[in-house]
Amino acid sequence: MLDRLKQWAKALKNEITALFYVSKEGPSLGVKILIGITLAYALSPIDLIPDFIPVLGYLDDLIILPVLIYLSIRLIPKDLMDKARVKAQYQPIKLKKNWLMAVLIIVFWLLIILGILV
């Protein structure tokens, strides 16, 4: 069971990397926006539902992220996605620690929360 979860997580990581490469290829604006939301959610250090909340905390990671990935992939032409998957497999992206981006993501989420509360 644990091996299956690890394989699933690795496959999701590869799909996220492939989506990044697709976004550079120039899909339509709507698809780029959805891919941007998917990538931002996947890379965001802040979850929509915090992980410390029992059961619900992991629900967003198990449902929301795969749904965003699935929707993004459905809107991308198959040949473009296949090329991006191959590239993602052989050229994985190594992210550096970027404190500025972390601060921007936190500010972004705070603005969303503020917008909901007001």
PDB file of N, CA and C in Angstrom:
ATOM      1  N   MET A   1       0.823  -1.198   0.000  1.00  0.00           N
ATOM      2  CA  MET A   1       0.000   0.000   0.000  1.00  0.00           C
ATOM      3  C   MET A   1       0.867   1.261   0.000  1.00  0.00           C
ATOM      4  N   LEU A   2       1.904   1.260   0.839  1.00  0.00           N
ATOM      5  CA  LEU A   2       2.786   2.414   0.919  1.00  0.00           C
ATOM      6  C   LEU A   2       3.523   2.626  -0.405  1.00  0.00           C
ATOM      7  N   ASP A   3       3.907   1.532  -1.052  1.00  0.00           N
ATOM      8  CA  ASP A   3       4.586   1.649  -2.351  1.00  0.00           C
ATOM      9  C   ASP A   3       3.665   2.258  -3.401  1.00  0.00           C
ATOM     10  N   ARG A   4       2.391   1.877  -3.370  1.00  0.00           N
ATOM     11  CA  ARG A   4       1.425   2.452  -4.316  1.00  0.00           C
ATOM     12  C   ARG A   4       1.257   3.947  -4.095  1.00  0.00           C
ATOM     13  N   LEU A   5       1.221   4.368  -2.836  1.00  0.00           N
ATOM     14  CA  LEU A   5       1.109   5.797  -2.531  1.00  0.00           C
ATOM     15  C   LEU A   5       2.343   6.560  -3.003  1.00  0.00           C
ATOM     16  N   LYS A   6       3.514   5.968  -2.824  1.00  0.00           N
ATOM     17  CA  LYS A   6       4.742   6.615  -3.286  1.00  0.00           C
ATOM     18  C   LYS A   6       4.753   6.745  -4.808  1.00  0.00           C
ATOM     19  N   GLN A   7       4.309   5.707  -5.502  1.00  0.00           N
ATOM     20  CA  GLN A   7       4.238   5.753  -6.965  1.00  0.00           C
ATOM     21  C   GLN A   7       3.241   6.809  -7.421  1.00  0.00           C
ATOM     22  N   TRP A   8       2.113   6.885  -6.733  1.00  0.00           N
ATOM     23  CA  TRP A   8       1.082   7.871  -7.072  1.00  0.00           C
ATOM     24  C   TRP A   8       1.617   9.285  -6.866  1.00  0.00           C
ATOM     25  N   ALA A   9       2.321   9.502  -5.745  1.00  0.00           N
ATOM     26  CA  ALA A   9       2.893  10.824  -5.463  1.00  0.00           C
ATOM     27  C   ALA A   9       3.947  11.186  -6.510  1.00  0.00           C
ATOM     28  N   LYS A  10       4.759  10.220  -6.918  1.00  0.00           N
ATOM     29  CA  LYS A  10       5.773  10.481  -7.945  1.00  0.00           C
ATOM     30  C   LYS A  10       5.109  10.808  -9.280  1.00  0.00           C
ATOM     31  N   ALA A  11       4.027  10.102  -9.598  1.00  0.00           N
ATOM     32  CA  ALA A  11       3.301  10.370 -10.846  1.00  0.00           C
ATOM     33  C   ALA A  11       2.699  11.771 -10.819  1.00  0.00           C
ATOM     34  N   LEU A  12       2.143  12.177  -9.685  1.00  0.00           N
ATOM     35  CA  LEU A  12       1.587  13.530  -9.567  1.00  0.00           C
ATOM     36  C   LEU A  12       2.682  14.586  -9.728  1.00  0.00           C
ATOM     37  N   LYS A  13       3.839  14.325  -9.137  1.00  0.00           N
ATOM     38  CA  LYS A  13       4.958  15.259  -9.255  1.00  0.00           C
ATOM     39  C   LYS A  13       5.381  15.388 -10.719  1.00  0.00           C
ATOM     40  N   ASN A  14       5.413  14.287 -11.426  1.00  0.00           N
ATOM     41  CA  ASN A  14       5.772  14.307 -12.842  1.00  0.00           C
ATOM     42  C   ASN A  14       4.724  15.073 -13.653  1.00  0.00           C
ATOM     43  N   GLU A  15       3.447  14.883 -13.323  1.00  0.00           N
ATOM     44  CA  GLU A  15       2.378  15.597 -14.030  1.00  0.00           C
ATOM     45  C   GLU A  15       2.461  17.104 -13.785  1.00  0.00           C
ATOM     46  N   ILE A  16       2.797  17.487 -12.563  1.00  0.00           N
ATOM     47  CA  ILE A  16       2.935  18.906 -12.238  1.00  0.00           C
ATOM     48  C   ILE A  16       4.087  19.512 -13.029  1.00  0.00           C
ATOM     49  N   THR A  17       5.197  18.785 -13.104  1.00  0.00           N
ATOM     50  CA  THR A  17       6.332  19.255 -13.892  1.00  0.00           C
ATOM     51  C   THR A  17       5.952  19.363 -15.368  1.00  0.00           C
ATOM     52  N   ALA A  18       5.225  18.376 -15.868  1.00  0.00           N
ATOM     53  CA  ALA A  18       4.782  18.404 -17.271  1.00  0.00           C
ATOM     54  C   ALA A  18       3.861  19.598 -17.512  1.00  0.00           C
ATOM     55  N   LEU A  19       2.979  19.890 -16.561  1.00  0.00           N
ATOM     56  CA  LEU A  19       2.103  21.060 -16.704  1.00  0.00           C
ATOM     57  C   LEU A  19       2.921  22.344 -16.774  1.00  0.00           C
ATOM     58  N   PHE A  20       3.987  22.412 -15.994  1.00  0.00           N
ATOM     59  CA  PHE A  20       4.861  23.584 -16.054  1.00  0.00           C
ATOM     60  C   PHE A  20       5.443  23.737 -17.458  1.00  0.00           C
ATOM     61  N   TYR A  21       5.924  22.640 -18.025  1.00  0.00           N
ATOM     62  CA  TYR A  21       6.502  22.701 -19.370  1.00  0.00           C
ATOM     63  C   TYR A  21       5.437  23.054 -20.416  1.00  0.00           C
ATOM     64  N   VAL A  22       4.231  22.533 -20.252  1.00  0.00           N
ATOM     65  CA  VAL A  22       3.152  22.865 -21.191  1.00  0.00           C
ATOM     66  C   VAL A  22       2.839  24.357 -21.124  1.00  0.00           C
ATOM     67  N   SER A  23       2.850  24.917 -19.923  1.00  0.00           N
ATOM     68  CA  SER A  23       2.516  26.342 -19.784  1.00  0.00           C
ATOM     69  C   SER A  23       3.498  27.225 -20.549  1.00  0.00           C
ATOM     70  N   LYS A  24       4.706  26.740 -20.766  1.00  0.00           N
ATOM     71  CA  LYS A  24       5.711  27.500 -21.518  1.00  0.00           C
ATOM     72  C   LYS A  24       5.517  27.364 -23.028  1.00  0.00           C
ATOM     73  N   GLU A  25       4.737  26.372 -23.459  1.00  0.00           N
ATOM     74  CA  GLU A  25       4.534  26.103 -24.884  1.00  0.00           C
ATOM     75  C   GLU A  25       3.488  27.010 -25.513  1.00  0.00           C
ATOM     76  N   GLY A  26       2.672  27.652 -24.715  1.00  0.00           N
ATOM     77  CA  GLY A  26       1.716  28.606 -25.259  1.00  0.00           C
ATOM     78  C   GLY A  26       0.319  28.076 -25.519  1.00  0.00           C
ATOM     79  N   PRO A  27      -0.288  27.369 -24.545  1.00  0.00           N
ATOM     80  CA  PRO A  27      -1.695  27.016 -24.732  1.00  0.00           C
ATOM     81  C   PRO A  27      -2.558  28.270 -24.643  1.00  0.00           C
ATOM     82  N   SER A  28      -3.842  28.131 -24.814  1.00  0.00           N
ATOM     83  CA  SER A  28      -4.741  29.286 -24.762  1.00  0.00           C
ATOM     84  C   SER A  28      -4.690  29.943 -23.385  1.00  0.00           C
ATOM     85  N   LEU A  29      -5.151  31.172 -23.316  1.00  0.00           N
ATOM     86  CA  LEU A  29      -5.098  31.933 -22.071  1.00  0.00           C
ATOM     87  C   LEU A  29      -5.857  31.235 -20.946  1.00  0.00           C
ATOM     88  N   GLY A  30      -7.036  30.711 -21.251  1.00  0.00           N
ATOM     89  CA  GLY A  30      -7.823  30.020 -20.227  1.00  0.00           C
ATOM     90  C   GLY A  30      -7.099  28.815 -19.662  1.00  0.00           C
ATOM     91  N   VAL A  31      -6.444  28.049 -20.527  1.00  0.00           N
ATOM     92  CA  VAL A  31      -5.687  26.876 -20.081  1.00  0.00           C
ATOM     93  C   VAL A  31      -4.478  27.320 -19.269  1.00  0.00           C
ATOM     94  N   LYS A  32      -3.816  28.392 -19.701  1.00  0.00           N
ATOM     95  CA  LYS A  32      -2.671  28.915 -18.948  1.00  0.00           C
ATOM     96  C   LYS A  32      -3.090  29.344 -17.539  1.00  0.00           C
ATOM     97  N   ILE A  33      -4.248  29.962 -17.438  1.00  0.00           N
ATOM     98  CA  ILE A  33      -4.731  30.398 -16.125  1.00  0.00           C
ATOM     99  C   ILE A  33      -4.994  29.197 -15.235  1.00  0.00           C
ATOM    100  N   LEU A  34      -5.666  28.165 -15.785  1.00  0.00           N
ATOM    101  CA  LEU A  34      -5.943  26.959 -14.994  1.00  0.00           C
ATOM    102  C   LEU A  34      -4.646  26.267 -14.585  1.00  0.00           C
ATOM    103  N   ILE A  35      -3.684  26.181 -15.500  1.00  0.00           N
ATOM    104  CA  ILE A  35      -2.388  25.578 -15.164  1.00  0.00           C
ATOM    105  C   ILE A  35      -1.705  26.413 -14.090  1.00  0.00           C
ATOM    106  N   GLY A  36      -1.777  27.731 -14.201  1.00  0.00           N
ATOM    107  CA  GLY A  36      -1.187  28.607 -13.188  1.00  0.00           C
ATOM    108  C   GLY A  36      -1.790  28.387 -11.812  1.00  0.00           C
ATOM    109  N   ILE A  37      -3.111  28.256 -11.767  1.00  0.00           N
ATOM    110  CA  ILE A  37      -3.793  27.985 -10.489  1.00  0.00           C
ATOM    111  C   ILE A  37      -3.355  26.634  -9.940  1.00  0.00           C
ATOM    112  N   THR A  38      -3.282  25.643 -10.816  1.00  0.00           N
ATOM    113  CA  THR A  38      -2.878  24.295 -10.402  1.00  0.00           C
ATOM    114  C   THR A  38      -1.454  24.306  -9.852  1.00  0.00           C
ATOM    115  N   LEU A  39      -0.546  24.938 -10.568  1.00  0.00           N
ATOM    116  CA  LEU A  39       0.847  25.001 -10.115  1.00  0.00           C
ATOM    117  C   LEU A  39       0.975  25.796  -8.819  1.00  0.00           C
ATOM    118  N   ALA A  40       0.256  26.906  -8.729  1.00  0.00           N
ATOM    119  CA  ALA A  40       0.307  27.712  -7.502  1.00  0.00           C
ATOM    120  C   ALA A  40      -0.213  26.913  -6.317  1.00  0.00           C
ATOM    121  N   TYR A  41      -1.292  26.177  -6.522  1.00  0.00           N
ATOM    122  CA  TYR A  41      -1.852  25.382  -5.426  1.00  0.00           C
ATOM    123  C   TYR A  41      -0.900  24.255  -5.044  1.00  0.00           C
ATOM    124  N   ALA A  42      -0.292  23.616  -6.052  1.00  0.00           N
ATOM    125  CA  ALA A  42       0.614  22.501  -5.785  1.00  0.00           C
ATOM    126  C   ALA A  42       1.871  22.960  -5.047  1.00  0.00           C
ATOM    127  N   LEU A  43       2.359  24.141  -5.379  1.00  0.00           N
ATOM    128  CA  LEU A  43       3.606  24.619  -4.793  1.00  0.00           C
ATOM    129  C   LEU A  43       3.415  25.497  -3.571  1.00  0.00           C
ATOM    130  N   SER A  44       2.183  25.869  -3.293  1.00  0.00           N
ATOM    131  CA  SER A  44       1.911  26.760  -2.178  1.00  0.00           C
ATOM    132  C   SER A  44       2.195  26.076  -0.835  1.00  0.00           C
ATOM    133  N   PRO A  45       2.902  26.776   0.047  1.00  0.00           N
ATOM    134  CA  PRO A  45       3.141  26.203   1.375  1.00  0.00           C
ATOM    135  C   PRO A  45       1.892  26.250   2.259  1.00  0.00           C
ATOM    136  N   ILE A  46       0.878  26.935   1.812  1.00  0.00           N
ATOM    137  CA  ILE A  46      -0.349  27.071   2.593  1.00  0.00           C
ATOM    138  C   ILE A  46      -1.466  26.339   1.871  1.00  0.00           C
ATOM    139  N   ASP A  47      -2.138  25.441   2.592  1.00  0.00           N
ATOM    140  CA  ASP A  47      -3.257  24.695   2.022  1.00  0.00           C
ATOM    141  C   ASP A  47      -4.555  25.448   2.249  1.00  0.00           C
ATOM    142  N   LEU A  48      -5.520  25.160   1.394  1.00  0.00           N
ATOM    143  CA  LEU A  48      -6.851  25.734   1.557  1.00  0.00           C
ATOM    144  C   LEU A  48      -7.444  25.303   2.898  1.00  0.00           C
ATOM    145  N   ILE A  49      -7.264  24.027   3.227  1.00  0.00           N
ATOM    146  CA  ILE A  49      -7.684  23.489   4.521  1.00  0.00           C
ATOM    147  C   ILE A  49      -6.406  23.046   5.228  1.00  0.00           C
ATOM    148  N   PRO A  50      -6.041  23.640   6.375  1.00  0.00           N
ATOM    149  CA  PRO A  50      -4.787  23.279   7.051  1.00  0.00           C
ATOM    150  C   PRO A  50      -4.721  21.786   7.387  1.00  0.00           C
ATOM    151  N   ASP A  51      -3.514  21.212   7.253  1.00  0.00           N
ATOM    152  CA  ASP A  51      -3.335  19.775   7.461  1.00  0.00           C
ATOM    153  C   ASP A  51      -3.591  19.329   8.900  1.00  0.00           C
ATOM    154  N   PHE A  52      -3.506  20.240   9.851  1.00  0.00           N
ATOM    155  CA  PHE A  52      -3.705  19.826  11.243  1.00  0.00           C
ATOM    156  C   PHE A  52      -5.170  19.540  11.577  1.00  0.00           C
ATOM    157  N   ILE A  53      -6.091  19.892  10.701  1.00  0.00           N
ATOM    158  CA  ILE A  53      -7.500  19.577  10.922  1.00  0.00           C
ATOM    159  C   ILE A  53      -7.698  18.105  10.558  1.00  0.00           C
ATOM    160  N   PRO A  54      -8.149  17.276  11.513  1.00  0.00           N
ATOM    161  CA  PRO A  54      -8.268  15.839  11.244  1.00  0.00           C
ATOM    162  C   PRO A  54      -9.131  15.550  10.008  1.00  0.00           C
ATOM    163  N   VAL A  55      -8.694  14.643   9.212  1.00  0.00           N
ATOM    164  CA  VAL A  55      -9.325  14.141   7.994  1.00  0.00           C
ATOM    165  C   VAL A  55      -9.451  15.236   6.925  1.00  0.00           C
ATOM    166  N   LEU A  56     -10.124  16.322   7.233  1.00  0.00           N
ATOM    167  CA  LEU A  56     -10.328  17.389   6.247  1.00  0.00           C
ATOM    168  C   LEU A  56      -9.017  18.031   5.803  1.00  0.00           C
ATOM    169  N   GLY A  57      -8.022  18.025   6.677  1.00  0.00           N
ATOM    170  CA  GLY A  57      -6.742  18.649   6.361  1.00  0.00           C
ATOM    171  C   GLY A  57      -6.047  18.013   5.174  1.00  0.00           C
ATOM    172  N   TYR A  58      -6.216  16.709   5.034  1.00  0.00           N
ATOM    173  CA  TYR A  58      -5.589  16.013   3.911  1.00  0.00           C
ATOM    174  C   TYR A  58      -6.542  15.830   2.747  1.00  0.00           C
ATOM    175  N   LEU A  59      -7.788  16.155   2.957  1.00  0.00           N
ATOM    176  CA  LEU A  59      -8.788  16.003   1.910  1.00  0.00           C
ATOM    177  C   LEU A  59      -8.462  16.883   0.702  1.00  0.00           C
ATOM    178  N   ASP A  60      -7.997  18.098   0.954  1.00  0.00           N
ATOM    179  CA  ASP A  60      -7.676  18.966  -0.178  1.00  0.00           C
ATOM    180  C   ASP A  60      -6.504  18.420  -0.984  1.00  0.00           C
ATOM    181  N   ASP A  61      -5.519  17.828  -0.302  1.00  0.00           N
ATOM    182  CA  ASP A  61      -4.379  17.258  -1.023  1.00  0.00           C
ATOM    183  C   ASP A  61      -4.774  16.007  -1.803  1.00  0.00           C
ATOM    184  N   LEU A  62      -5.741  15.285  -1.310  1.00  0.00           N
ATOM    185  CA  LEU A  62      -6.158  14.045  -1.962  1.00  0.00           C
ATOM    186  C   LEU A  62      -7.239  14.235  -3.013  1.00  0.00           C
ATOM    187  N   ILE A  63      -7.950  15.364  -2.967  1.00  0.00           N
ATOM    188  CA  ILE A  63      -9.045  15.581  -3.916  1.00  0.00           C
ATOM    189  C   ILE A  63      -8.818  16.825  -4.773  1.00  0.00           C
ATOM    190  N   ILE A  64      -8.613  17.970  -4.151  1.00  0.00           N
ATOM    191  CA  ILE A  64      -8.543  19.228  -4.901  1.00  0.00           C
ATOM    192  C   ILE A  64      -7.378  19.234  -5.886  1.00  0.00           C
ATOM    193  N   LEU A  65      -6.178  18.894  -5.422  1.00  0.00           N
ATOM    194  CA  LEU A  65      -5.015  18.929  -6.313  1.00  0.00           C
ATOM    195  C   LEU A  65      -5.143  17.946  -7.479  1.00  0.00           C
ATOM    196  N   PRO A  66      -5.503  16.672  -7.236  1.00  0.00           N
ATOM    197  CA  PRO A  66      -5.686  15.773  -8.389  1.00  0.00           C
ATOM    198  C   PRO A  66      -6.778  16.233  -9.356  1.00  0.00           C
ATOM    199  N   VAL A  67      -7.839  16.846  -8.842  1.00  0.00           N
ATOM    200  CA  VAL A  67      -8.902  17.346  -9.725  1.00  0.00           C
ATOM    201  C   VAL A  67      -8.374  18.502 -10.581  1.00  0.00           C
ATOM    202  N   LEU A  68      -7.622  19.405  -9.975  1.00  0.00           N
ATOM    203  CA  LEU A  68      -7.032  20.513 -10.746  1.00  0.00           C
ATOM    204  C   LEU A  68      -6.087  19.975 -11.825  1.00  0.00           C
ATOM    205  N   ILE A  69      -5.261  18.994 -11.464  1.00  0.00           N
ATOM    206  CA  ILE A  69      -4.345  18.397 -12.438  1.00  0.00           C
ATOM    207  C   ILE A  69      -5.133  17.738 -13.555  1.00  0.00           C
ATOM    208  N   TYR A  70      -6.165  16.979 -13.200  1.00  0.00           N
ATOM    209  CA  TYR A  70      -6.989  16.289 -14.202  1.00  0.00           C
ATOM    210  C   TYR A  70      -7.647  17.287 -15.159  1.00  0.00           C
ATOM    211  N   LEU A  71      -8.241  18.341 -14.610  1.00  0.00           N
ATOM    212  CA  LEU A  71      -8.897  19.344 -15.458  1.00  0.00           C
ATOM    213  C   LEU A  71      -7.901  20.036 -16.384  1.00  0.00           C
ATOM    214  N   SER A  72      -6.731  20.348 -15.855  1.00  0.00           N
ATOM    215  CA  SER A  72      -5.706  20.991 -16.685  1.00  0.00           C
ATOM    216  C   SER A  72      -5.294  20.076 -17.833  1.00  0.00           C
ATOM    217  N   ILE A  73      -5.051  18.812 -17.528  1.00  0.00           N
ATOM    218  CA  ILE A  73      -4.607  17.860 -18.545  1.00  0.00           C
ATOM    219  C   ILE A  73      -5.683  17.648 -19.606  1.00  0.00           C
ATOM    220  N   ARG A  74      -6.937  17.619 -19.195  1.00  0.00           N
ATOM    221  CA  ARG A  74      -8.039  17.418 -20.151  1.00  0.00           C
ATOM    222  C   ARG A  74      -8.118  18.526 -21.197  1.00  0.00           C
ATOM    223  N   LEU A  75      -7.657  19.716 -20.851  1.00  0.00           N
ATOM    224  CA  LEU A  75      -7.747  20.858 -21.756  1.00  0.00           C
ATOM    225  C   LEU A  75      -6.520  21.014 -22.666  1.00  0.00           C
ATOM    226  N   ILE A  76      -5.524  20.154 -22.474  1.00  0.00           N
ATOM    227  CA  ILE A  76      -4.281  20.238 -23.239  1.00  0.00           C
ATOM    228  C   ILE A  76      -4.307  19.181 -24.339  1.00  0.00           C
ATOM    229  N   PRO A  77      -3.912  19.551 -25.568  1.00  0.00           N
ATOM    230  CA  PRO A  77      -3.836  18.553 -26.638  1.00  0.00           C
ATOM    231  C   PRO A  77      -2.911  17.392 -26.243  1.00  0.00           C
ATOM    232  N   LYS A  78      -3.313  16.171 -26.609  1.00  0.00           N
ATOM    233  CA  LYS A  78      -2.595  14.968 -26.181  1.00  0.00           C
ATOM    234  C   LYS A  78      -1.127  14.980 -26.606  1.00  0.00           C
ATOM    235  N   ASP A  79      -0.842  15.374 -27.836  1.00  0.00           N
ATOM    236  CA  ASP A  79       0.548  15.350 -28.295  1.00  0.00           C
ATOM    237  C   ASP A  79       1.424  16.332 -27.512  1.00  0.00           C
ATOM    238  N   LEU A  80       0.876  17.489 -27.175  1.00  0.00           N
ATOM    239  CA  LEU A  80       1.617  18.476 -26.388  1.00  0.00           C
ATOM    240  C   LEU A  80       1.872  17.947 -24.974  1.00  0.00           C
ATOM    241  N   MET A  81       0.881  17.311 -24.380  1.00  0.00           N
ATOM    242  CA  MET A  81       1.032  16.764 -23.034  1.00  0.00           C
ATOM    243  C   MET A  81       2.022  15.608 -23.038  1.00  0.00           C
ATOM    244  N   ASP A  82       1.984  14.765 -24.066  1.00  0.00           N
ATOM    245  CA  ASP A  82       2.921  13.641 -24.143  1.00  0.00           C
ATOM    246  C   ASP A  82       4.366  14.133 -24.224  1.00  0.00           C
ATOM    247  N   LYS A  83       4.610  15.161 -25.043  1.00  0.00           N
ATOM    248  CA  LYS A  83       5.959  15.729 -25.142  1.00  0.00           C
ATOM    249  C   LYS A  83       6.404  16.314 -23.797  1.00  0.00           C
ATOM    250  N   ALA A  84       5.485  16.986 -23.119  1.00  0.00           N
ATOM    251  CA  ALA A  84       5.815  17.592 -21.823  1.00  0.00           C
ATOM    252  C   ALA A  84       6.103  16.521 -20.774  1.00  0.00           C
ATOM    253  N   ARG A  85       5.383  15.406 -20.816  1.00  0.00           N
ATOM    254  CA  ARG A  85       5.630  14.308 -19.869  1.00  0.00           C
ATOM    255  C   ARG A  85       7.020  13.714 -20.065  1.00  0.00           C
ATOM    256  N   VAL A  86       7.410  13.528 -21.322  1.00  0.00           N
ATOM    257  CA  VAL A  86       8.746  12.998 -21.599  1.00  0.00           C
ATOM    258  C   VAL A  86       9.804  13.978 -21.088  1.00  0.00           C
ATOM    259  N   LYS A  87       9.610  15.250 -21.372  1.00  0.00           N
ATOM    260  CA  LYS A  87      10.552  16.271 -20.911  1.00  0.00           C
ATOM    261  C   LYS A  87      10.614  16.300 -19.384  1.00  0.00           C
ATOM    262  N   ALA A  88       9.455  16.185 -18.729  1.00  0.00           N
ATOM    263  CA  ALA A  88       9.406  16.200 -17.266  1.00  0.00           C
ATOM    264  C   ALA A  88      10.134  14.997 -16.675  1.00  0.00           C
ATOM    265  N   GLN A  89      10.049  13.874 -17.360  1.00  0.00           N
ATOM    266  CA  GLN A  89      10.701  12.660 -16.865  1.00  0.00           C
ATOM    267  C   GLN A  89      12.218  12.787 -16.949  1.00  0.00           C
ATOM    268  N   TYR A  90      12.721  13.381 -18.028  1.00  0.00           N
ATOM    269  CA  TYR A  90      14.160  13.458 -18.238  1.00  0.00           C
ATOM    270  C   TYR A  90      14.781  14.770 -17.784  1.00  0.00           C
ATOM    271  N   GLN A  91      13.966  15.775 -17.562  1.00  0.00           N
ATOM    272  CA  GLN A  91      14.471  17.065 -17.095  1.00  0.00           C
ATOM    273  C   GLN A  91      13.634  17.581 -15.921  1.00  0.00           C
ATOM    274  N   PRO A  92      13.703  16.895 -14.773  1.00  0.00           N
ATOM    275  CA  PRO A  92      12.918  17.375 -13.626  1.00  0.00           C
ATOM    276  C   PRO A  92      13.406  18.746 -13.175  1.00  0.00           C
ATOM    277  N   ILE A  93      12.502  19.479 -12.592  1.00  0.00           N
ATOM    278  CA  ILE A  93      12.816  20.837 -12.140  1.00  0.00           C
ATOM    279  C   ILE A  93      13.245  20.789 -10.679  1.00  0.00           C
ATOM    280  N   LYS A  94      14.337  21.434 -10.385  1.00  0.00           N
ATOM    281  CA  LYS A  94      14.809  21.550  -9.004  1.00  0.00           C
ATOM    282  C   LYS A  94      14.518  22.976  -8.550  1.00  0.00           C
ATOM    283  N   LEU A  95      13.651  23.093  -7.566  1.00  0.00           N
ATOM    284  CA  LEU A  95      13.286  24.423  -7.075  1.00  0.00           C
ATOM    285  C   LEU A  95      14.234  24.857  -5.963  1.00  0.00           C
ATOM    286  N   LYS A  96      14.701  26.084  -6.061  1.00  0.00           N
ATOM    287  CA  LYS A  96      15.534  26.659  -5.014  1.00  0.00           C
ATOM    288  C   LYS A  96      14.616  27.284  -3.972  1.00  0.00           C
ATOM    289  N   LYS A  97      15.139  27.448  -2.773  1.00  0.00           N
ATOM    290  CA  LYS A  97      14.381  28.152  -1.749  1.00  0.00           C
ATOM    291  C   LYS A  97      14.308  29.619  -2.152  1.00  0.00           C
ATOM    292  N   ASN A  98      13.099  30.130  -2.203  1.00  0.00           N
ATOM    293  CA  ASN A  98      12.899  31.502  -2.618  1.00  0.00           C
ATOM    294  C   ASN A  98      11.974  32.169  -1.607  1.00  0.00           C
ATOM    295  N   TRP A  99      12.558  32.903  -0.696  1.00  0.00           N
ATOM    296  CA  TRP A  99      11.785  33.514   0.379  1.00  0.00           C
ATOM    297  C   TRP A  99      10.836  34.580  -0.141  1.00  0.00           C
ATOM    298  N   LEU A 100      11.215  35.275  -1.196  1.00  0.00           N
ATOM    299  CA  LEU A 100      10.344  36.297  -1.772  1.00  0.00           C
ATOM    300  C   LEU A 100       9.058  35.658  -2.286  1.00  0.00           C
ATOM    301  N   MET A 101       9.190  34.547  -2.988  1.00  0.00           N
ATOM    302  CA  MET A 101       7.989  33.859  -3.492  1.00  0.00           C
ATOM    303  C   MET A 101       7.134  33.348  -2.333  1.00  0.00           C
ATOM    304  N   ALA A 102       7.781  32.856  -1.289  1.00  0.00           N
ATOM    305  CA  ALA A 102       7.028  32.378  -0.122  1.00  0.00           C
ATOM    306  C   ALA A 102       6.205  33.517   0.481  1.00  0.00           C
ATOM    307  N   VAL A 103       6.811  34.678   0.605  1.00  0.00           N
ATOM    308  CA  VAL A 103       6.103  35.843   1.150  1.00  0.00           C
ATOM    309  C   VAL A 103       4.959  36.249   0.219  1.00  0.00           C
ATOM    310  N   LEU A 104       5.206  36.253  -1.091  1.00  0.00           N
ATOM    311  CA  LEU A 104       4.154  36.602  -2.050  1.00  0.00           C
ATOM    312  C   LEU A 104       2.985  35.621  -1.989  1.00  0.00           C
ATOM    313  N   ILE A 105       3.273  34.342  -1.844  1.00  0.00           N
ATOM    314  CA  ILE A 105       2.202  33.339  -1.752  1.00  0.00           C
ATOM    315  C   ILE A 105       1.394  33.554  -0.477  1.00  0.00           C
ATOM    316  N   ILE A 106       2.076  33.819   0.621  1.00  0.00           N
ATOM    317  CA  ILE A 106       1.372  34.060   1.885  1.00  0.00           C
ATOM    318  C   ILE A 106       0.500  35.311   1.778  1.00  0.00           C
ATOM    319  N   VAL A 107       1.026  36.364   1.189  1.00  0.00           N
ATOM    320  CA  VAL A 107       0.241  37.592   0.997  1.00  0.00           C
ATOM    321  C   VAL A 107      -0.961  37.312   0.103  1.00  0.00           C
ATOM    322  N   PHE A 108      -0.750  36.541  -0.958  1.00  0.00           N
ATOM    323  CA  PHE A 108      -1.841  36.168  -1.861  1.00  0.00           C
ATOM    324  C   PHE A 108      -2.958  35.463  -1.100  1.00  0.00           C
ATOM    325  N   TRP A 109      -2.613  34.463  -0.293  1.00  0.00           N
ATOM    326  CA  TRP A 109      -3.630  33.734   0.474  1.00  0.00           C
ATOM    327  C   TRP A 109      -4.302  34.632   1.505  1.00  0.00           C
ATOM    328  N   LEU A 110      -3.543  35.513   2.123  1.00  0.00           N
ATOM    329  CA  LEU A 110      -4.141  36.435   3.092  1.00  0.00           C
ATOM    330  C   LEU A 110      -5.140  37.371   2.417  1.00  0.00           C
ATOM    331  N   LEU A 111      -4.813  37.824   1.204  1.00  0.00           N
ATOM    332  CA  LEU A 111      -5.754  38.672   0.455  1.00  0.00           C
ATOM    333  C   LEU A 111      -7.028  37.908   0.096  1.00  0.00           C
ATOM    334  N   ILE A 112      -6.886  36.655  -0.261  1.00  0.00           N
ATOM    335  CA  ILE A 112      -8.064  35.833  -0.551  1.00  0.00           C
ATOM    336  C   ILE A 112      -8.925  35.679   0.695  1.00  0.00           C
ATOM    337  N   ILE A 113      -8.298  35.371   1.820  1.00  0.00           N
ATOM    338  CA  ILE A 113      -9.047  35.224   3.076  1.00  0.00           C
ATOM    339  C   ILE A 113      -9.703  36.538   3.456  1.00  0.00           C
ATOM    340  N   LEU A 114      -8.990  37.646   3.317  1.00  0.00           N
ATOM    341  CA  LEU A 114      -9.549  38.959   3.607  1.00  0.00           C
ATOM    342  C   LEU A 114     -10.741  39.265   2.705  1.00  0.00           C
ATOM    343  N   GLY A 115     -10.607  38.914   1.416  1.00  0.00           N
ATOM    344  CA  GLY A 115     -11.703  39.128   0.481  1.00  0.00           C
ATOM    345  C   GLY A 115     -12.937  38.313   0.830  1.00  0.00           C
ATOM    346  N   ILE A 116     -12.721  37.113   1.335  1.00  0.00           N
ATOM    347  CA  ILE A 116     -13.862  36.269   1.740  1.00  0.00           C
ATOM    348  C   ILE A 116     -14.525  36.814   2.996  1.00  0.00           C
ATOM    349  N   LEU A 117     -13.720  37.285   3.946  1.00  0.00           N
ATOM    350  CA  LEU A 117     -14.264  37.757   5.214  1.00  0.00           C
ATOM    351  C   LEU A 117     -14.950  39.112   5.111  1.00  0.00           C
ATOM    352  N   VAL A 118     -14.536  39.931   4.173  1.00  0.00           N
ATOM    353  CA  VAL A 118     -15.090  41.286   4.067  1.00  0.00           C
ATOM    354  C   VAL A 118     -16.290  41.330   3.190  1.00  0.00           C
TER     355      VAL A 118
END
